[in-house]
Amino acid sequence: MKILTFSILIICLFSYAILAEESTCYGTTSNGRLEHGIALPFSGPNYVGYSNIARLAGRTYVHSQVADIIVNAYKTLETEQPAKVFKYAETGLKEGGQFKPHKTHRNGLSVDFMTPVVNESGQSDHLPTHPLNKFGYDIEFDSNGKYDEYTIDYVALAAHIVALHIESISQGVDLWRVIFDPKLQPELFKTSYGPYLKKHIQFSKKRSWVRHDEHYHVDFSIHCKEMK
């Protein structure tokens, strides 16, 4: 019995050491890699991951500090926006590198988040993400921010970006940029978070190679070593 207890203790301590290990990023988001990537938790009180399939395929890894920022930001939103729910999407591979079909997401500092929405009842809801709609990436919102029974929740979206930025700054890092459809961005600035966003967040000015309406892409600004 003592041997069994000791073995369990050793396993727990070893597991904790792995979880506590810090990541090291190299290069850039478009030409880089990652050491000791951390898988984001699949869910929390106010958030979920976009796919169990993707998680099992190893597509939800990020830099350890990015993981801390994301989880802490969600924690902040539990109090600040208690009625809102959120969903993260593609992140990257445990050791980084090429992450098809993305052009970036290579060094653990790039994260996609599914756009927050409200349903026909006006309740905060999750966009559906499954293989038949390419895990949500095939969704297209119209110019009014509507898709089927869902409407973009600009307040939740803005609150999330602000929470990510505040948490990043508190940890001595920053957000590099946020990519979100430029034609939809004006609605973000109409929210109560608008002045903060205009002052602190660098948004994409031109439409990128994919629209970024059903999701928004966030690049974190954390010092990385040169590629070797």
Protein backbone atom coordinates (compact mmCIF):
# COMPACT_ATOMS: atom_id res chain seq x y z
CA MET A 1 0.00 0.00 0.00
CA LYS A 2 2.86 2.37 0.87
CA ILE A 3 4.55 1.58 -2.44
CA LEU A 4 1.31 2.32 -4.34
CA THR A 5 0.84 5.63 -2.50
CA PHE A 6 4.43 6.63 -3.19
CA SER A 7 4.05 5.75 -6.87
CA ILE A 8 0.92 7.88 -7.19
CA LEU A 9 2.72 10.78 -5.52
CA ILE A 10 5.65 10.51 -7.94
CA ILE A 11 3.28 10.42 -10.93
CA CYS A 12 1.42 13.50 -9.68
CA LEU A 13 4.62 15.43 -9.09
CA PHE A 14 5.95 14.44 -12.51
CA SER A 15 2.68 15.45 -14.19
CA TYR A 16 2.75 18.81 -12.38
CA ALA A 17 6.32 19.40 -13.54
CA ILE A 18 5.27 18.83 -17.14
CA LEU A 19 2.27 21.13 -16.80
CA ALA A 20 4.38 23.82 -15.13
CA GLU A 21 7.09 23.79 -17.79
CA GLU A 22 7.31 27.06 -19.67
CA SER A 23 7.22 27.21 -23.45
CA THR A 24 9.90 28.68 -25.69
CA CYS A 25 8.94 30.22 -29.02
CA TYR A 26 11.22 30.72 -32.00
CA GLY A 27 11.02 32.96 -35.03
CA THR A 28 7.74 34.53 -36.10
CA THR A 29 4.10 33.53 -36.36
CA SER A 30 4.62 32.80 -40.08
CA ASN A 31 8.08 31.24 -39.81
CA GLY A 32 8.66 29.75 -36.40
CA ARG A 33 8.32 26.85 -34.04
CA LEU A 34 7.50 26.11 -30.41
CA GLU A 35 8.95 24.04 -27.61
CA HIS A 36 6.79 22.65 -24.79
CA GLY A 37 3.48 23.89 -26.13
CA ILE A 38 0.49 23.74 -23.77
CA ALA A 39 -2.95 22.45 -24.77
CA LEU A 40 -5.73 24.84 -23.85
CA PRO A 41 -8.34 23.43 -21.45
CA PHE A 42 -11.26 22.11 -23.44
CA SER A 43 -13.78 24.08 -21.41
CA GLY A 44 -14.38 26.36 -18.46
CA PRO A 45 -17.40 28.01 -16.80
CA ASN A 46 -17.92 30.42 -19.73
CA TYR A 47 -15.97 28.92 -22.64
CA VAL A 48 -15.47 25.78 -24.72
CA GLY A 49 -13.11 24.57 -27.40
CA TYR A 50 -14.37 24.28 -30.94
CA SER A 51 -13.86 20.55 -31.43
CA ASN A 52 -12.98 17.39 -29.53
CA ILE A 53 -11.74 15.97 -32.83
CA ALA A 54 -9.33 18.88 -33.29
CA ARG A 55 -8.18 18.59 -29.69
CA LEU A 56 -7.38 14.89 -30.12
CA ALA A 57 -5.58 15.77 -33.36
CA GLY A 58 -3.29 18.11 -31.37
CA ARG A 59 -4.52 21.39 -32.88
CA THR A 60 -5.11 23.33 -29.65
CA TYR A 61 -1.57 24.01 -28.42
CA VAL A 62 -0.17 27.45 -27.58
CA HIS A 63 2.74 29.06 -25.78
CA SER A 64 2.36 28.55 -22.01
CA GLN A 65 2.04 32.30 -21.35
CA VAL A 66 -0.60 32.62 -24.05
CA ALA A 67 -2.54 29.82 -22.34
CA ASP A 68 -2.37 31.70 -19.03
CA ILE A 69 -3.54 34.92 -20.65
CA ILE A 70 -6.49 33.25 -22.38
CA VAL A 71 -7.70 31.38 -19.30
CA ASN A 72 -7.30 34.42 -17.03
CA ALA A 73 -9.15 36.63 -19.51
CA TYR A 74 -12.06 34.20 -19.55
CA LYS A 75 -12.01 34.28 -15.74
CA THR A 76 -12.26 38.08 -15.81
CA LEU A 77 -15.24 37.87 -18.16
CA GLU A 78 -17.09 35.58 -15.75
CA THR A 79 -17.54 38.67 -13.58
CA GLU A 80 -17.54 41.44 -16.18
CA GLN A 81 -19.87 39.74 -18.68
CA PRO A 82 -21.49 36.93 -16.69
CA ALA A 83 -24.21 36.26 -19.26
CA LYS A 84 -21.77 35.75 -22.15
CA VAL A 85 -20.24 32.52 -23.42
CA PHE A 86 -17.17 32.12 -25.63
CA LYS A 87 -15.50 29.56 -27.88
CA TYR A 88 -11.90 29.35 -29.03
CA ALA A 89 -10.89 27.72 -32.31
CA GLU A 90 -7.60 26.82 -34.03
CA THR A 91 -4.36 27.50 -32.17
CA GLY A 92 -1.38 25.41 -33.25
CA LEU A 93 0.72 22.28 -32.80
CA LYS A 94 2.62 21.27 -29.68
CA GLU A 95 6.00 21.87 -31.35
CA GLY A 96 4.73 24.58 -33.68
CA GLY A 97 5.75 24.69 -37.33
CA GLN A 98 3.55 24.60 -40.41
CA PHE A 99 -0.13 24.46 -39.50
CA LYS A 100 -2.26 23.95 -42.59
CA PRO A 101 -4.32 25.65 -43.91
CA HIS A 102 -3.08 28.63 -41.89
CA LYS A 103 -0.22 30.85 -43.03
CA THR A 104 0.67 31.69 -39.43
CA HIS A 105 0.04 29.85 -36.10
CA ARG A 106 3.59 28.48 -36.19
CA ASN A 107 5.19 29.56 -32.92
CA GLY A 108 2.39 29.34 -30.37
CA LEU A 109 1.44 33.02 -30.42
CA SER A 110 -1.53 32.91 -32.82
CA VAL A 111 -5.05 31.99 -31.71
CA ASP A 112 -8.39 31.95 -33.50
CA PHE A 113 -11.56 32.61 -31.52
CA MET A 114 -15.04 31.92 -32.83
CA THR A 115 -17.09 35.10 -33.06
CA PRO A 116 -19.50 35.44 -30.08
CA VAL A 117 -23.16 35.46 -31.06
CA VAL A 118 -26.65 35.76 -29.66
CA ASN A 119 -29.47 33.50 -30.81
CA GLU A 120 -33.03 34.40 -31.80
CA SER A 121 -33.97 34.67 -28.14
CA GLY A 122 -31.23 37.23 -27.57
CA GLN A 123 -29.22 34.83 -25.43
CA SER A 124 -25.46 34.46 -25.69
CA ASP A 125 -24.74 31.28 -27.64
CA HIS A 126 -21.98 29.34 -29.42
CA LEU A 127 -21.62 29.20 -33.18
CA PRO A 128 -22.06 25.58 -34.32
CA THR A 129 -18.70 23.99 -35.14
CA HIS A 130 -18.62 20.53 -36.70
CA PRO A 131 -17.03 18.69 -39.66
CA LEU A 132 -19.89 19.58 -42.03
CA ASN A 133 -19.12 23.33 -41.75
CA LYS A 134 -15.35 22.87 -41.45
CA PHE A 135 -15.60 23.33 -37.68
CA GLY A 136 -17.25 26.72 -38.14
CA TYR A 137 -14.79 28.14 -40.65
CA ASP A 138 -17.33 27.83 -43.50
CA ILE A 139 -19.82 30.13 -41.77
CA GLU A 140 -20.43 33.47 -43.49
CA PHE A 141 -22.11 36.44 -41.80
CA ASP A 142 -23.92 39.00 -43.93
CA SER A 143 -23.24 42.73 -43.81
CA ASN A 144 -25.63 43.05 -40.86
CA GLY A 145 -23.69 40.50 -38.85
CA LYS A 146 -26.32 37.77 -39.22
CA TYR A 147 -26.02 34.06 -40.03
CA ASP A 148 -29.13 31.88 -39.86
CA GLU A 149 -30.56 32.40 -36.36
CA TYR A 150 -27.36 33.96 -35.02
CA THR A 151 -26.29 37.60 -34.78
CA ILE A 152 -22.78 38.79 -33.91
CA ASP A 153 -22.51 39.84 -30.28
CA TYR A 154 -20.22 42.84 -30.65
CA VAL A 155 -20.29 43.61 -26.93
CA ALA A 156 -19.00 40.14 -26.05
CA LEU A 157 -16.42 40.27 -28.82
CA ALA A 158 -15.13 43.69 -27.75
CA ALA A 159 -15.11 42.71 -24.07
CA HIS A 160 -13.06 39.62 -24.87
CA ILE A 161 -10.43 41.52 -26.84
CA VAL A 162 -10.12 44.10 -24.06
CA ALA A 163 -9.80 41.35 -21.43
CA LEU A 164 -7.05 39.67 -23.47
CA HIS A 165 -5.17 42.95 -23.78
CA ILE A 166 -5.46 43.89 -20.10
CA GLU A 167 -4.32 40.43 -19.03
CA SER A 168 -1.41 40.53 -21.50
CA ILE A 169 -0.23 43.89 -20.18
CA SER A 170 -0.50 42.64 -16.59
CA GLN A 171 1.90 39.85 -17.54
CA GLY A 172 4.40 42.21 -19.15
CA VAL A 173 3.56 41.36 -22.76
CA ASP A 174 1.06 42.67 -25.32
CA LEU A 175 -1.22 41.91 -28.24
CA TRP A 176 0.43 42.43 -31.60
CA ARG A 177 -2.71 42.54 -33.74
CA VAL A 178 -6.30 41.43 -34.11
CA ILE A 179 -7.57 40.30 -37.52
CA PHE A 180 -11.31 40.74 -37.97
CA ASP A 181 -13.29 41.65 -41.09
CA PRO A 182 -12.68 45.42 -41.58
CA LYS A 183 -16.26 45.90 -42.81
CA LEU A 184 -17.60 44.59 -39.49
CA GLN A 185 -15.13 46.40 -37.23
CA PRO A 186 -17.12 49.69 -36.96
CA GLU A 187 -19.74 47.91 -34.85
CA LEU A 188 -17.06 47.06 -32.29
CA PHE A 189 -16.21 50.72 -31.86
CA LYS A 190 -19.86 51.57 -31.18
CA THR A 191 -19.80 49.50 -27.97
CA SER A 192 -18.76 50.88 -24.59
CA TYR A 193 -15.38 49.25 -25.19
CA GLY A 194 -14.86 51.24 -28.39
CA PRO A 195 -12.59 53.99 -26.99
CA TYR A 196 -10.32 51.40 -25.38
CA LEU A 197 -10.10 49.39 -28.59
CA LYS A 198 -9.26 52.46 -30.66
CA LYS A 199 -6.51 53.48 -28.24
CA HIS A 200 -4.86 50.14 -27.54
CA ILE A 201 -5.63 47.54 -30.21
CA GLN A 202 -4.09 47.25 -33.66
CA PHE A 203 -6.78 45.90 -35.97
CA SER A 204 -6.33 44.65 -39.52
CA LYS A 205 -7.05 47.43 -42.01
CA LYS A 206 -7.46 45.28 -45.11
CA ARG A 207 -9.27 42.01 -45.69
CA SER A 208 -6.81 39.13 -45.41
CA TRP A 209 -6.71 35.99 -47.58
CA VAL A 210 -9.73 34.68 -45.67
CA ARG A 211 -12.52 36.96 -44.49
CA HIS A 212 -12.28 36.54 -40.68
CA ASP A 213 -15.93 37.16 -39.90
CA GLU A 214 -16.88 33.88 -38.23
CA HIS A 215 -13.68 34.06 -36.23
CA TYR A 216 -11.14 36.65 -35.15
CA HIS A 217 -7.42 36.00 -35.15
CA VAL A 218 -5.25 37.28 -32.29
CA ASP A 219 -1.45 37.43 -32.38
CA PHE A 220 0.27 37.87 -29.03
CA SER A 221 3.49 39.87 -28.70
CA ILE A 222 5.89 37.73 -26.66
CA HIS A 223 9.66 37.73 -27.12
CA CYS A 224 10.84 34.72 -29.11
CA LYS A 225 14.30 33.38 -29.77
CA GLU A 226 15.74 33.41 -33.28
CA MET A 227 15.18 30.32 -35.37
CA LYS A 228 18.01 27.82 -35.14
